[in-house]
N, C-alpha and C. Protein backbone atom coordinates (compact mmCIF):
# COMPACT_ATOMS: atom_id res chain seq x y z
N UNK A 1 95.50 123.47 78.51
CA UNK A 1 96.13 123.09 79.76
C UNK A 1 96.45 124.33 80.56
N UNK A 2 96.29 124.24 81.84
CA UNK A 2 96.63 125.33 82.73
C UNK A 2 97.68 124.87 83.72
N UNK A 3 98.08 125.77 84.59
CA UNK A 3 99.13 125.44 85.55
C UNK A 3 98.83 126.09 86.89
N UNK A 4 98.95 125.30 87.93
CA UNK A 4 98.93 125.82 89.30
C UNK A 4 100.27 125.44 89.88
N UNK A 5 101.05 126.42 90.26
CA UNK A 5 102.35 126.16 90.86
C UNK A 5 102.36 126.74 92.27
N UNK A 6 102.07 125.91 93.26
CA UNK A 6 102.04 126.42 94.64
C UNK A 6 103.40 126.94 95.07
N UNK A 7 103.40 128.08 95.69
CA UNK A 7 104.64 128.65 96.24
C UNK A 7 104.96 127.97 97.57
N UNK A 8 103.91 127.61 98.29
CA UNK A 8 104.08 126.93 99.56
C UNK A 8 103.03 125.82 99.65
N UNK A 9 103.33 124.77 100.38
CA UNK A 9 102.36 123.69 100.55
C UNK A 9 101.73 123.70 101.94
N UNK A 10 102.15 124.67 102.76
CA UNK A 10 101.51 124.84 104.07
C UNK A 10 101.29 126.30 104.34
N UNK A 11 100.08 126.75 104.44
CA UNK A 11 98.89 125.94 104.25
C UNK A 11 98.68 125.60 102.77
N UNK A 12 98.09 124.44 102.52
CA UNK A 12 97.87 123.99 101.14
C UNK A 12 96.87 124.92 100.45
N UNK A 13 97.09 125.27 99.19
CA UNK A 13 96.22 126.23 98.50
C UNK A 13 94.91 125.59 97.98
N UNK A 14 94.11 125.04 98.90
CA UNK A 14 92.86 124.38 98.52
C UNK A 14 91.95 125.29 97.71
N UNK A 15 91.83 126.53 98.14
CA UNK A 15 90.93 127.47 97.47
C UNK A 15 91.38 127.71 96.02
N UNK A 16 92.66 127.84 95.79
CA UNK A 16 93.19 128.07 94.44
C UNK A 16 92.88 126.88 93.54
N UNK A 17 93.07 125.67 94.04
CA UNK A 17 92.79 124.47 93.25
C UNK A 17 91.30 124.39 92.95
N UNK A 18 90.46 124.64 93.93
CA UNK A 18 89.02 124.58 93.73
C UNK A 18 88.56 125.63 92.73
N UNK A 19 89.09 126.84 92.81
CA UNK A 19 88.73 127.88 91.85
C UNK A 19 89.13 127.49 90.43
N UNK A 20 90.27 126.85 90.27
CA UNK A 20 90.69 126.39 88.94
C UNK A 20 89.73 125.33 88.42
N UNK A 21 89.28 124.45 89.29
CA UNK A 21 88.38 123.38 88.89
C UNK A 21 87.02 123.90 88.45
N UNK A 22 86.64 125.06 88.93
CA UNK A 22 85.33 125.62 88.60
C UNK A 22 85.27 126.21 87.19
N UNK A 23 86.41 126.33 86.53
CA UNK A 23 86.42 126.80 85.14
C UNK A 23 85.74 125.74 84.27
N UNK A 24 84.88 126.17 83.37
CA UNK A 24 84.09 125.25 82.55
C UNK A 24 84.95 124.32 81.70
N UNK A 25 86.12 124.77 81.29
CA UNK A 25 86.96 123.97 80.40
C UNK A 25 87.77 122.90 81.13
N UNK A 26 87.80 122.92 82.44
CA UNK A 26 88.62 121.96 83.20
C UNK A 26 87.90 120.63 83.30
N UNK A 27 88.55 119.60 82.77
CA UNK A 27 87.96 118.26 82.78
C UNK A 27 88.71 117.31 83.72
N UNK A 28 89.99 117.59 83.97
CA UNK A 28 90.81 116.72 84.82
C UNK A 28 92.03 117.48 85.29
N UNK A 29 92.71 116.91 86.28
CA UNK A 29 93.94 117.48 86.80
C UNK A 29 95.07 116.47 86.65
N UNK A 30 96.26 116.98 86.44
CA UNK A 30 97.46 116.16 86.39
C UNK A 30 98.45 116.75 87.38
N UNK A 31 98.86 115.95 88.35
CA UNK A 31 99.91 116.42 89.26
C UNK A 31 101.24 115.91 88.72
N UNK A 32 102.17 116.82 88.53
CA UNK A 32 103.51 116.49 88.05
C UNK A 32 104.45 116.72 89.22
N UNK A 33 105.07 115.66 89.66
CA UNK A 33 105.88 115.73 90.88
C UNK A 33 107.20 115.00 90.72
N UNK A 34 108.18 115.45 91.47
CA UNK A 34 109.44 114.72 91.61
C UNK A 34 109.36 113.94 92.92
N UNK A 35 108.34 113.08 92.99
CA UNK A 35 108.08 112.28 94.18
C UNK A 35 107.22 111.09 93.79
N UNK A 36 106.68 110.42 94.78
CA UNK A 36 105.85 109.24 94.53
C UNK A 36 104.36 109.58 94.50
N UNK A 37 104.01 110.85 94.41
CA UNK A 37 102.61 111.23 94.28
C UNK A 37 101.96 111.72 95.56
N UNK A 38 102.74 112.33 96.42
CA UNK A 38 102.20 112.79 97.69
C UNK A 38 101.14 113.89 97.53
N UNK A 39 101.18 114.63 96.43
CA UNK A 39 100.24 115.74 96.28
C UNK A 39 98.90 115.30 95.70
N UNK A 40 98.81 114.12 95.14
CA UNK A 40 97.57 113.66 94.52
C UNK A 40 96.40 113.71 95.51
N UNK A 41 96.61 113.21 96.71
CA UNK A 41 95.53 113.20 97.70
C UNK A 41 95.11 114.61 98.09
N UNK A 42 96.05 115.54 98.19
CA UNK A 42 95.69 116.92 98.52
C UNK A 42 94.83 117.54 97.42
N UNK A 43 95.17 117.27 96.17
CA UNK A 43 94.37 117.80 95.06
C UNK A 43 92.98 117.19 95.09
N UNK A 44 92.89 115.88 95.31
CA UNK A 44 91.58 115.23 95.40
C UNK A 44 90.74 115.81 96.53
N UNK A 45 91.38 116.06 97.68
CA UNK A 45 90.66 116.66 98.81
C UNK A 45 90.16 118.06 98.46
N UNK A 46 91.00 118.84 97.80
CA UNK A 46 90.59 120.20 97.42
C UNK A 46 89.40 120.17 96.48
N UNK A 47 89.33 119.15 95.64
CA UNK A 47 88.25 119.05 94.64
C UNK A 47 87.06 118.26 95.14
N UNK A 48 87.14 117.70 96.33
CA UNK A 48 86.12 116.78 96.83
C UNK A 48 85.85 115.68 95.80
N UNK A 49 86.91 115.27 95.12
CA UNK A 49 86.85 114.22 94.09
C UNK A 49 85.86 114.53 92.97
N UNK A 50 85.65 115.82 92.69
CA UNK A 50 84.70 116.21 91.64
C UNK A 50 85.27 116.11 90.23
N UNK A 51 86.59 116.02 90.11
CA UNK A 51 87.27 115.88 88.81
C UNK A 51 88.31 114.77 88.94
N UNK A 52 88.60 114.08 87.83
CA UNK A 52 89.67 113.08 87.89
C UNK A 52 91.03 113.73 88.14
N UNK A 53 91.85 113.07 88.94
CA UNK A 53 93.20 113.55 89.24
C UNK A 53 94.18 112.46 88.82
N UNK A 54 95.10 112.80 87.94
CA UNK A 54 96.11 111.87 87.44
C UNK A 54 97.47 112.26 87.99
N UNK A 55 98.39 111.30 87.95
CA UNK A 55 99.73 111.52 88.49
C UNK A 55 100.79 111.20 87.44
N UNK A 56 101.79 112.07 87.35
CA UNK A 56 102.96 111.83 86.53
C UNK A 56 104.16 112.27 87.34
N UNK A 57 105.06 111.35 87.65
CA UNK A 57 106.18 111.73 88.49
C UNK A 57 107.42 110.92 88.24
N UNK A 58 108.47 111.45 88.80
CA UNK A 58 109.79 110.82 88.74
C UNK A 58 110.42 110.93 90.12
N UNK A 59 111.29 109.99 90.41
CA UNK A 59 112.02 110.05 91.67
C UNK A 59 113.51 110.06 91.36
N UNK A 60 114.29 110.21 92.39
CA UNK A 60 115.74 110.17 92.23
C UNK A 60 116.32 111.41 91.58
N UNK A 61 115.59 112.53 91.64
CA UNK A 61 116.11 113.77 91.09
C UNK A 61 115.98 113.90 89.58
N UNK A 62 115.25 112.98 88.95
CA UNK A 62 115.07 113.03 87.50
C UNK A 62 113.92 113.98 87.18
N UNK A 63 114.23 115.11 86.56
CA UNK A 63 113.23 116.12 86.24
C UNK A 63 112.49 115.71 84.97
N UNK A 64 111.14 115.66 85.03
CA UNK A 64 110.39 115.32 83.82
C UNK A 64 110.60 116.37 82.73
N UNK A 65 110.72 115.90 81.50
CA UNK A 65 110.88 116.82 80.37
C UNK A 65 109.52 117.37 79.97
N UNK A 66 109.47 118.62 79.49
CA UNK A 66 108.19 119.19 79.03
C UNK A 66 107.51 118.30 77.99
N UNK A 67 108.27 117.68 77.10
CA UNK A 67 107.67 116.81 76.09
C UNK A 67 106.99 115.60 76.72
N UNK A 68 107.56 115.08 77.82
CA UNK A 68 106.95 113.94 78.52
C UNK A 68 105.64 114.36 79.18
N UNK A 69 105.63 115.55 79.74
CA UNK A 69 104.42 116.06 80.38
C UNK A 69 103.34 116.28 79.33
N UNK A 70 103.71 116.84 78.19
CA UNK A 70 102.76 117.07 77.10
C UNK A 70 102.16 115.75 76.63
N UNK A 71 102.97 114.72 76.50
CA UNK A 71 102.45 113.41 76.07
C UNK A 71 101.45 112.87 77.09
N UNK A 72 101.73 113.08 78.37
CA UNK A 72 100.80 112.62 79.41
C UNK A 72 99.49 113.40 79.33
N UNK A 73 99.57 114.70 79.09
CA UNK A 73 98.36 115.52 78.94
C UNK A 73 97.54 115.03 77.76
N UNK A 74 98.20 114.73 76.65
CA UNK A 74 97.51 114.23 75.46
C UNK A 74 96.84 112.89 75.76
N UNK A 75 97.53 112.03 76.49
CA UNK A 75 96.99 110.72 76.83
C UNK A 75 95.73 110.87 77.68
N UNK A 76 95.79 111.74 78.65
CA UNK A 76 94.64 111.97 79.52
C UNK A 76 93.47 112.57 78.74
N UNK A 77 93.79 113.47 77.81
CA UNK A 77 92.77 114.14 77.02
C UNK A 77 92.22 113.30 75.88
N UNK A 78 92.81 112.13 75.65
CA UNK A 78 92.32 111.27 74.59
C UNK A 78 92.95 111.52 73.24
N UNK A 79 93.99 112.35 73.17
CA UNK A 79 94.66 112.62 71.90
C UNK A 79 95.57 111.46 71.54
N UNK A 80 95.84 111.31 70.25
CA UNK A 80 96.73 110.22 69.82
C UNK A 80 98.08 110.76 69.41
């Protein structure tokens, strides 16, 4: 698993996301947000939908726990 943590969303770091996707080991993306998934479309646009993009998020100020994110990564990757 890798991590892209944008410092700013304007302008959106399309080039950074695309460069990450070009790595041979990248099979999918997971956006982890404290929102309803507003960044999913931006990631899909950056990738021209060339890789699957999944969403994991919480609202109401509830910060996802690292263990919850890891479980989501395992689920996406097919791990049990």
